Amino acid sequence: MKKVAVVIKDVKQQYEGLRTSLGALLDNVEIQMFVLNHEIENMDEAYHDNMELLDEMEGERFSNNSANVEKYGFVHTTLKEAAQKLRAADLVIPF
């Protein structure tokens, strides 16, 4: 199974990064979504529902922002740990 990492560093691309992660899961790949250096800007119902779907489909969510970990259930990662995971991915999609 291919491993795809979606890296979201631009606050304005949060929705697109999440939608890309979900779409890739439908193509039977392993997804790791990283939200780096910022808190989720607008956790509305649609974004929350899509994150739940990502979890149900066994995608992984990581963040180096403690607010995302505490409020939204992301797995904490340091930039060094994230870099190691990115090197192990077959494809990295930046946002």
N, C-alpha and C. Protein backbone atom coordinates (compact mmCIF):
# COMPACT_ATOMS: atom_id res chain seq x y z
N MET A 1 0.84 -1.17 0.00
CA MET A 1 0.00 0.00 0.00
C MET A 1 0.89 1.24 0.00
N LYS A 2 0.59 2.20 -0.85
CA LYS A 2 1.36 3.44 -0.90
C LYS A 2 1.05 4.33 0.30
N LYS A 3 2.06 5.05 0.74
CA LYS A 3 1.90 5.98 1.86
C LYS A 3 1.98 7.40 1.32
N VAL A 4 0.95 8.20 1.61
CA VAL A 4 0.88 9.58 1.16
C VAL A 4 0.81 10.49 2.37
N ALA A 5 1.64 11.53 2.37
CA ALA A 5 1.63 12.53 3.43
C ALA A 5 1.09 13.83 2.85
N VAL A 6 0.11 14.40 3.52
CA VAL A 6 -0.46 15.69 3.14
C VAL A 6 -0.01 16.69 4.20
N VAL A 7 0.75 17.70 3.78
CA VAL A 7 1.32 18.68 4.70
C VAL A 7 0.60 20.01 4.51
N ILE A 8 -0.07 20.45 5.56
CA ILE A 8 -0.84 21.70 5.50
C ILE A 8 -0.14 22.74 6.37
N LYS A 9 0.54 23.68 5.71
CA LYS A 9 1.21 24.76 6.43
C LYS A 9 0.51 26.10 6.20
N ASP A 10 -0.30 26.18 5.16
CA ASP A 10 -1.02 27.41 4.83
C ASP A 10 -2.43 27.33 5.43
N VAL A 11 -2.73 28.25 6.33
CA VAL A 11 -4.03 28.26 7.01
C VAL A 11 -5.18 28.28 6.00
N LYS A 12 -5.00 28.96 4.90
CA LYS A 12 -6.07 29.10 3.91
C LYS A 12 -6.29 27.82 3.10
N GLN A 13 -5.42 26.82 3.27
CA GLN A 13 -5.53 25.57 2.52
C GLN A 13 -5.97 24.39 3.38
N GLN A 14 -6.46 24.66 4.60
CA GLN A 14 -6.86 23.58 5.51
C GLN A 14 -7.94 22.68 4.92
N TYR A 15 -8.97 23.29 4.34
CA TYR A 15 -10.05 22.48 3.77
C TYR A 15 -9.55 21.64 2.60
N GLU A 16 -8.78 22.27 1.72
CA GLU A 16 -8.29 21.55 0.55
C GLU A 16 -7.38 20.39 0.95
N GLY A 17 -6.55 20.60 1.95
CA GLY A 17 -5.68 19.52 2.42
C GLY A 17 -6.47 18.36 3.01
N LEU A 18 -7.50 18.67 3.77
CA LEU A 18 -8.35 17.61 4.34
C LEU A 18 -9.11 16.87 3.25
N ARG A 19 -9.65 17.61 2.29
CA ARG A 19 -10.38 16.96 1.18
C ARG A 19 -9.46 16.08 0.36
N THR A 20 -8.24 16.53 0.15
CA THR A 20 -7.27 15.72 -0.59
C THR A 20 -6.95 14.44 0.18
N SER A 21 -6.82 14.55 1.49
CA SER A 21 -6.56 13.37 2.32
C SER A 21 -7.69 12.37 2.21
N LEU A 22 -8.92 12.85 2.29
CA LEU A 22 -10.07 11.95 2.17
C LEU A 22 -10.13 11.30 0.79
N GLY A 23 -9.89 12.08 -0.23
CA GLY A 23 -9.92 11.54 -1.59
C GLY A 23 -8.88 10.45 -1.80
N ALA A 24 -7.71 10.65 -1.24
CA ALA A 24 -6.66 9.64 -1.39
C ALA A 24 -7.01 8.36 -0.64
N LEU A 25 -7.69 8.49 0.50
CA LEU A 25 -8.11 7.30 1.23
C LEU A 25 -9.07 6.45 0.39
N LEU A 26 -9.87 7.10 -0.41
CA LEU A 26 -10.79 6.36 -1.27
C LEU A 26 -10.05 5.59 -2.36
N ASP A 27 -8.80 5.98 -2.61
CA ASP A 27 -7.97 5.30 -3.61
C ASP A 27 -7.09 4.22 -2.97
N ASN A 28 -7.43 3.85 -1.73
CA ASN A 28 -6.75 2.76 -1.02
C ASN A 28 -5.26 3.03 -0.80
N VAL A 29 -4.95 4.22 -0.26
CA VAL A 29 -3.58 4.53 0.15
C VAL A 29 -3.59 4.86 1.63
N GLU A 30 -2.44 4.75 2.24
CA GLU A 30 -2.28 5.12 3.65
C GLU A 30 -2.04 6.62 3.71
N ILE A 31 -2.84 7.33 4.50
CA ILE A 31 -2.76 8.79 4.58
C ILE A 31 -2.27 9.25 5.94
N GLN A 32 -1.34 10.19 5.90
CA GLN A 32 -0.91 10.89 7.10
C GLN A 32 -1.07 12.38 6.80
N MET A 33 -1.95 13.04 7.55
CA MET A 33 -2.20 14.46 7.35
C MET A 33 -1.48 15.24 8.46
N PHE A 34 -0.70 16.24 8.07
CA PHE A 34 0.06 17.06 9.01
C PHE A 34 -0.44 18.49 8.93
N VAL A 35 -0.86 19.05 10.06
CA VAL A 35 -1.19 20.47 10.16
C VAL A 35 -0.06 21.08 11.00
N LEU A 36 0.78 21.86 10.33
CA LEU A 36 2.00 22.35 10.98
C LEU A 36 1.98 23.86 11.20
N ASN A 37 2.45 24.24 12.37
CA ASN A 37 2.73 25.63 12.73
C ASN A 37 1.52 26.52 12.92
N HIS A 38 0.31 25.97 12.94
CA HIS A 38 -0.87 26.80 13.19
C HIS A 38 -2.01 25.95 13.72
N GLU A 39 -2.94 26.63 14.37
CA GLU A 39 -4.15 25.98 14.86
C GLU A 39 -5.20 25.98 13.74
N ILE A 40 -6.06 24.98 13.73
CA ILE A 40 -7.16 24.95 12.77
C ILE A 40 -7.91 26.27 12.90
N GLU A 41 -8.04 26.98 11.80
CA GLU A 41 -8.61 28.32 11.82
C GLU A 41 -10.11 28.32 12.10
N ASN A 42 -10.84 27.43 11.46
CA ASN A 42 -12.30 27.44 11.58
C ASN A 42 -12.79 26.00 11.69
N MET A 43 -12.96 25.53 12.91
CA MET A 43 -13.44 24.17 13.11
C MET A 43 -14.97 24.18 13.07
N ASP A 44 -15.50 24.31 11.86
CA ASP A 44 -16.95 24.29 11.72
C ASP A 44 -17.43 22.84 11.62
N GLU A 45 -18.72 22.66 11.51
CA GLU A 45 -19.30 21.31 11.51
C GLU A 45 -18.80 20.47 10.34
N ALA A 46 -18.69 21.08 9.17
CA ALA A 46 -18.24 20.33 7.98
C ALA A 46 -16.81 19.84 8.16
N TYR A 47 -15.92 20.70 8.65
CA TYR A 47 -14.52 20.29 8.84
C TYR A 47 -14.44 19.19 9.90
N HIS A 48 -15.19 19.36 10.98
CA HIS A 48 -15.21 18.36 12.04
C HIS A 48 -15.71 17.01 11.52
N ASP A 49 -16.79 17.02 10.75
CA ASP A 49 -17.34 15.79 10.19
C ASP A 49 -16.34 15.11 9.25
N ASN A 50 -15.63 15.90 8.45
CA ASN A 50 -14.63 15.32 7.54
C ASN A 50 -13.45 14.74 8.31
N MET A 51 -13.05 15.37 9.42
CA MET A 51 -11.98 14.80 10.25
C MET A 51 -12.43 13.48 10.86
N GLU A 52 -13.69 13.41 11.29
CA GLU A 52 -14.20 12.14 11.83
C GLU A 52 -14.18 11.05 10.77
N LEU A 53 -14.52 11.42 9.54
CA LEU A 53 -14.48 10.45 8.44
C LEU A 53 -13.05 9.99 8.18
N LEU A 54 -12.11 10.91 8.24
CA LEU A 54 -10.70 10.55 8.08
C LEU A 54 -10.29 9.54 9.15
N ASP A 55 -10.72 9.76 10.38
CA ASP A 55 -10.42 8.83 11.48
C ASP A 55 -11.07 7.47 11.24
N GLU A 56 -12.33 7.47 10.83
CA GLU A 56 -13.05 6.22 10.59
C GLU A 56 -12.40 5.40 9.47
N MET A 57 -11.82 6.09 8.50
CA MET A 57 -11.19 5.40 7.37
C MET A 57 -9.72 5.10 7.65
N GLU A 58 -9.31 5.28 8.92
CA GLU A 58 -7.99 4.95 9.42
C GLU A 58 -6.87 5.82 8.86
N GLY A 59 -7.21 7.07 8.54
CA GLY A 59 -6.18 8.04 8.22
C GLY A 59 -5.57 8.53 9.52
N GLU A 60 -4.39 9.09 9.45
CA GLU A 60 -3.71 9.59 10.64
C GLU A 60 -3.62 11.11 10.56
N ARG A 61 -3.75 11.77 11.73
CA ARG A 61 -3.66 13.23 11.81
C ARG A 61 -2.59 13.61 12.81
N PHE A 62 -1.66 14.47 12.37
CA PHE A 62 -0.56 14.92 13.21
C PHE A 62 -0.50 16.44 13.22
N SER A 63 -0.01 17.01 14.31
CA SER A 63 0.21 18.45 14.38
C SER A 63 1.29 18.75 15.40
N ASN A 64 2.04 19.81 15.13
CA ASN A 64 3.02 20.28 16.11
C ASN A 64 2.44 21.44 16.93
N ASN A 65 1.17 21.76 16.70
CA ASN A 65 0.49 22.82 17.44
C ASN A 65 -0.30 22.18 18.58
N SER A 66 0.02 22.55 19.81
CA SER A 66 -0.60 21.91 20.97
C SER A 66 -2.11 22.14 21.02
N ALA A 67 -2.61 23.25 20.50
CA ALA A 67 -4.06 23.49 20.50
C ALA A 67 -4.78 22.45 19.66
N ASN A 68 -4.20 22.05 18.53
CA ASN A 68 -4.82 21.02 17.69
C ASN A 68 -4.85 19.68 18.41
N VAL A 69 -3.82 19.41 19.17
CA VAL A 69 -3.74 18.15 19.92
C VAL A 69 -4.79 18.15 21.03
N GLU A 70 -4.85 19.22 21.79
CA GLU A 70 -5.75 19.29 22.94
C GLU A 70 -7.22 19.43 22.54
N LYS A 71 -7.50 20.28 21.58
CA LYS A 71 -8.90 20.56 21.21
C LYS A 71 -9.48 19.58 20.20
N TYR A 72 -8.66 19.11 19.27
CA TYR A 72 -9.21 18.39 18.11
C TYR A 72 -8.69 16.97 17.95
N GLY A 73 -7.89 16.48 18.89
CA GLY A 73 -7.49 15.08 18.88
C GLY A 73 -6.39 14.70 17.90
N PHE A 74 -5.61 15.67 17.44
CA PHE A 74 -4.47 15.34 16.59
C PHE A 74 -3.41 14.64 17.45
N VAL A 75 -2.58 13.86 16.83
CA VAL A 75 -1.44 13.24 17.50
C VAL A 75 -0.30 14.25 17.45
N HIS A 76 0.32 14.53 18.60
CA HIS A 76 1.41 15.49 18.62
C HIS A 76 2.63 14.93 17.90
N THR A 77 3.28 15.81 17.14
CA THR A 77 4.54 15.46 16.49
C THR A 77 5.45 16.67 16.54
N THR A 78 6.73 16.43 16.65
CA THR A 78 7.70 17.51 16.53
C THR A 78 8.04 17.66 15.05
N LEU A 79 8.69 18.74 14.70
CA LEU A 79 9.10 18.90 13.30
C LEU A 79 10.09 17.82 12.89
N LYS A 80 10.95 17.41 13.82
CA LYS A 80 11.91 16.34 13.52
C LYS A 80 11.19 15.01 13.26
N GLU A 81 10.20 14.70 14.09
CA GLU A 81 9.42 13.46 13.89
C GLU A 81 8.62 13.53 12.59
N ALA A 82 8.06 14.70 12.30
CA ALA A 82 7.31 14.87 11.06
C ALA A 82 8.22 14.66 9.86
N ALA A 83 9.43 15.20 9.92
CA ALA A 83 10.39 15.03 8.82
C ALA A 83 10.71 13.56 8.58
N GLN A 84 10.85 12.79 9.64
CA GLN A 84 11.12 11.36 9.50
C GLN A 84 9.95 10.66 8.81
N LYS A 85 8.73 11.02 9.20
CA LYS A 85 7.55 10.41 8.59
C LYS A 85 7.44 10.81 7.12
N LEU A 86 7.77 12.05 6.81
CA LEU A 86 7.70 12.51 5.42
C LEU A 86 8.71 11.78 4.54
N ARG A 87 9.88 11.53 5.08
CA ARG A 87 10.89 10.78 4.31
C ARG A 87 10.41 9.36 4.00
N ALA A 88 9.59 8.79 4.88
CA ALA A 88 9.10 7.43 4.68
C ALA A 88 7.91 7.36 3.71
N ALA A 89 7.34 8.51 3.36
CA ALA A 89 6.17 8.53 2.48
C ALA A 89 6.59 8.32 1.02
N ASP A 90 5.70 7.70 0.26
CA ASP A 90 5.93 7.54 -1.17
C ASP A 90 5.64 8.84 -1.93
N LEU A 91 4.72 9.64 -1.39
CA LEU A 91 4.32 10.89 -2.03
C LEU A 91 4.01 11.91 -0.95
N VAL A 92 4.49 13.13 -1.12
CA VAL A 92 4.20 14.23 -0.20
C VAL A 92 3.45 15.31 -0.97
N ILE A 93 2.29 15.69 -0.47
CA ILE A 93 1.48 16.72 -1.10
C ILE A 93 1.46 17.93 -0.18
N PRO A 94 2.12 19.03 -0.59
CA PRO A 94 2.17 20.23 0.26
C PRO A 94 1.01 21.18 0.01
N PHE A 95 0.54 21.80 1.07
CA PHE A 95 -0.47 22.86 1.00
C PHE A 95 0.01 24.03 1.84
